[in-house]
Structure formats: C-alpha cells, structure tokens
Amino acid sequence: MQRQISSTKCQQMSNPTPLELRFAADVMLGRLAKWLRVLGQDVIYGRHLSGAGLIRVARQENRMILTRDRRLRSQPQQSLFIQSDNFREQLHQVVSTFHLIRNNHLFKRCLICNSSLQPRPKASVKGAVPEYVFASQEEFFWCADCRRIYWPATHHQKMLAELKNLQLD
C-alpha cells in the first residue's frame, strides 16, 4: 500500500502500531534519532547507515527508513523522506506520518545505543554516579549494552519542556 504525504513517498508497513514500528535513520538524522528514542521508539542510527548500507539493514530488520538522501526517495524499500533540516520539524513529520503518540514509553531507550533501559535499584549505582546525584535521586535506569546510567533530573525536565513546546506532551 502506498500513500502520498505532502509530495513525499512513504510506503507503509501493514498497519503497524506505533511501538511495532522500527526505524533506521540515515547519517544525516542523528538529532531526530535521539528525539525519537526519547519518545520510546526503536531507532538505529550510525555512520554505517547511508545509501546501500541503510537499505540493507532496514530490509534485514524490517525497519522503516528515515532519510534526507534524495537518491533514496525512489527506492522500493519502506521509507519516509524527511523534508526539513530542522529537527523539530523532522520530529513533527515522523510523529504525524506514523501517528506516534506520547505514552508511558518516554525515556525507555538508551539515547546513545538504542537498547531498552532497565530499572536499577538505587543501592546498585552507588559509586557509579556522582555523590550529589545518588543523594538527590531515587530512580535510576541503566543500559545493559553500553552501561550508561540514567536518572530523571534537569536534563529530563528540559526534554519534557521541549516536547511540550513541540506540542508532543
């Protein structure tokens, strides 16, 4: 099934729900990839994801391609050409195209490697986070793949404010 979206070709997967959608973002879309991860979306991104490499990985993993590469617009692979250079407009385009909604999946993916975050008991992060953070925070999450530890502090609040400004809250 093919659907025209404001002069951008997008081939939809067979009625996936937003959390079943998996994305592959090309090398030009790092900031968009990060913000989609904030929303809980599964988005792979990296230097190796451009041109044929992007198509190959997306096909192997059944992912929707997000690209700014005009050469990929005519590919039969499921893709969405991202029209803007501005990450806020890019995010709006993806959210509206795929009807992504904010839900309880916010901040559930590692912003660096895309893996799912796991809750971590406070006692288990002692010595792994700054003393002030350990003393002032109660909730911690970690990425088992890249070993990063996350906690809801000011960066979390700033991201929520940005989502509100984008009317994605």
Protein backbone atom coordinates (compact mmCIF):
# COMPACT_ATOMS: atom_id res chain seq x y z
CA MET A 1 0.00 0.00 0.00
CA GLN A 2 1.48 3.33 -0.99
CA ARG A 3 0.39 6.62 0.47
CA GLN A 4 1.28 10.15 -0.66
CA ILE A 5 2.23 12.50 2.14
CA SER A 6 2.74 16.09 1.02
CA SER A 7 4.88 15.23 -2.01
CA THR A 8 6.85 12.65 -0.04
CA LYS A 9 6.57 8.99 -0.89
CA CYS A 10 6.09 6.72 2.05
CA GLN A 11 5.34 3.05 1.82
CA GLN A 12 3.52 1.99 4.98
CA MET A 13 4.03 -1.36 6.67
CA SER A 14 0.89 -3.45 7.03
CA ASN A 15 -0.88 -1.42 9.74
CA PRO A 16 1.83 -1.47 12.40
CA THR A 17 1.12 0.07 15.75
CA PRO A 18 3.50 2.88 16.72
CA LEU A 19 5.50 0.67 19.08
CA GLU A 20 5.83 -2.09 16.47
CA LEU A 21 7.38 0.40 14.09
CA ARG A 22 11.13 0.24 13.98
CA PHE A 23 13.16 2.89 12.25
CA ALA A 24 16.54 3.18 10.56
CA ALA A 25 17.70 6.80 10.37
CA ASP A 26 20.37 7.81 7.89
CA VAL A 27 23.59 9.51 8.90
CA MET A 28 22.05 12.98 8.42
CA LEU A 29 19.37 12.44 11.08
CA GLY A 30 21.20 11.94 14.37
CA ARG A 31 19.23 14.52 16.31
CA LEU A 32 15.93 13.14 15.04
CA ALA A 33 17.04 9.61 16.03
CA LYS A 34 17.78 10.81 19.57
CA TRP A 35 14.40 12.51 19.97
CA LEU A 36 12.52 9.50 18.61
CA ARG A 37 14.37 7.41 21.21
CA VAL A 38 13.21 9.88 23.87
CA LEU A 39 9.67 9.04 22.72
CA GLY A 40 10.45 5.34 23.17
CA GLN A 41 10.85 4.48 19.50
CA ASP A 42 13.32 1.84 18.30
CA VAL A 43 15.67 3.78 16.01
CA ILE A 44 19.02 2.59 14.74
CA TYR A 45 21.46 5.26 13.61
CA GLY A 46 25.15 5.46 12.84
CA ARG A 47 27.83 6.30 10.30
CA HIS A 48 27.34 2.93 8.62
CA LEU A 49 23.72 3.78 7.81
CA SER A 50 23.80 5.57 4.50
CA GLY A 51 22.95 4.55 0.97
CA ALA A 52 23.10 0.82 0.34
CA GLY A 53 24.05 0.07 3.96
CA LEU A 54 20.90 1.80 5.20
CA ILE A 55 18.70 -0.12 2.75
CA ARG A 56 20.35 -3.45 3.57
CA VAL A 57 19.98 -3.09 7.36
CA ALA A 58 16.41 -1.78 7.09
CA ARG A 59 15.43 -4.71 4.89
CA GLN A 60 17.12 -7.28 7.17
CA GLU A 61 15.49 -5.87 10.31
CA ASN A 62 12.15 -4.83 8.79
CA ARG A 63 12.67 -1.15 9.61
CA MET A 64 11.16 1.97 8.13
CA ILE A 65 13.89 4.15 6.59
CA LEU A 66 14.05 7.81 7.61
CA THR A 67 16.26 9.68 5.19
CA ARG A 68 17.31 13.09 3.88
CA ASP A 69 19.12 11.43 0.95
CA ARG A 70 17.23 12.40 -2.20
CA ARG A 71 18.71 9.41 -4.03
CA LEU A 72 16.73 7.08 -1.75
CA ARG A 73 13.35 8.68 -2.50
CA SER A 74 12.69 6.29 -5.36
CA GLN A 75 13.73 3.12 -3.53
CA PRO A 76 11.06 0.44 -3.21
CA GLN A 77 12.09 -0.08 0.44
CA GLN A 78 9.67 1.28 3.06
CA SER A 79 10.87 4.83 3.63
CA LEU A 80 9.98 8.35 4.53
CA PHE A 81 11.88 11.25 3.01
CA ILE A 82 12.41 13.84 5.75
CA GLN A 83 11.71 17.23 4.22
CA SER A 84 13.27 19.64 6.71
CA ASP A 85 16.75 20.25 8.10
CA ASN A 86 15.20 21.35 11.42
CA PHE A 87 14.92 18.52 13.97
CA ARG A 88 11.69 19.93 15.43
CA GLU A 89 10.01 19.88 12.01
CA GLN A 90 11.51 16.45 11.35
CA LEU A 91 10.07 15.12 14.59
CA HIS A 92 6.65 16.58 13.78
CA GLN A 93 6.76 14.97 10.33
CA VAL A 94 7.56 11.50 11.70
CA VAL A 95 5.10 11.74 14.61
CA SER A 96 2.23 12.86 12.35
CA THR A 97 3.04 10.45 9.50
CA PHE A 98 3.11 7.39 11.74
CA HIS A 99 0.61 8.63 14.34
CA LEU A 100 3.10 8.24 17.14
CA ILE A 101 1.70 9.20 20.48
CA ARG A 102 3.30 10.09 23.74
CA ASN A 103 2.68 7.35 26.24
CA ASN A 104 4.41 5.66 29.11
CA HIS A 105 7.33 4.71 26.86
CA LEU A 106 9.11 8.05 27.26
CA PHE A 107 12.74 7.68 28.29
CA LYS A 108 12.69 3.89 27.93
CA ARG A 109 15.54 3.65 25.39
CA CYS A 110 19.21 4.48 25.64
CA LEU A 111 19.79 7.72 23.77
CA ILE A 112 23.25 6.52 22.71
CA CYS A 113 22.83 2.88 21.61
CA ASN A 114 19.03 2.44 21.35
CA SER A 115 18.78 -0.50 23.78
CA SER A 116 15.89 -0.74 26.22
CA LEU A 117 16.62 0.75 29.63
CA GLN A 118 16.15 -1.36 32.75
CA PRO A 119 15.21 -0.10 36.22
CA ARG A 120 18.15 -0.25 38.59
CA PRO A 121 17.94 -0.31 42.41
CA LYS A 122 19.43 2.83 43.96
CA ALA A 123 21.92 0.84 46.05
CA SER A 124 23.36 -0.75 42.88
CA VAL A 125 24.50 2.60 41.43
CA LYS A 126 26.35 3.88 44.49
CA GLY A 127 29.83 4.85 43.39
CA ALA A 128 28.80 4.73 39.72
CA VAL A 129 27.06 8.12 39.80
CA PRO A 130 28.17 11.39 41.40
CA GLU A 131 27.51 11.59 45.15
CA TYR A 132 25.09 14.50 44.74
CA VAL A 133 23.07 12.52 42.17
CA PHE A 134 22.99 9.48 44.44
CA ALA A 135 21.82 11.62 47.38
CA SER A 136 19.20 13.58 45.44
CA GLN A 137 17.68 10.95 43.13
CA GLU A 138 15.60 7.88 43.89
CA GLU A 139 15.01 6.41 40.45
CA PHE A 140 17.75 5.01 38.19
CA PHE A 141 17.83 3.17 34.87
CA TRP A 142 20.71 1.60 33.04
CA CYS A 143 21.58 0.32 29.63
CA ALA A 144 22.94 -3.22 29.77
CA ASP A 145 24.65 -2.78 26.39
CA CYS A 146 26.64 0.44 26.81
CA ARG A 147 26.45 0.52 30.63
CA ARG A 148 25.19 4.11 30.85
CA ILE A 149 23.13 5.04 33.89
CA TYR A 150 20.18 7.41 33.57
CA TRP A 151 18.15 9.28 36.18
CA PRO A 152 15.34 11.87 35.88
CA ALA A 153 16.99 15.20 36.66
CA THR A 154 17.16 18.60 34.96
CA HIS A 155 18.03 17.17 31.52
CA HIS A 156 14.89 15.05 31.79
CA GLN A 157 12.83 18.12 32.71
CA LYS A 158 14.31 20.09 29.80
CA MET A 159 13.41 17.31 27.38
CA LEU A 160 9.83 17.22 28.72
CA ALA A 161 9.64 21.00 28.30
CA GLU A 162 10.89 20.66 24.71
CA LEU A 163 8.22 18.02 23.99
CA LYS A 164 5.62 20.38 25.47
CA ASN A 165 6.89 23.24 23.29
CA LEU A 166 6.61 20.93 20.29
CA GLN A 167 3.08 20.08 21.44
CA LEU A 168 4.11 16.44 21.78
CA ASP A 169 3.36 16.19 25.51
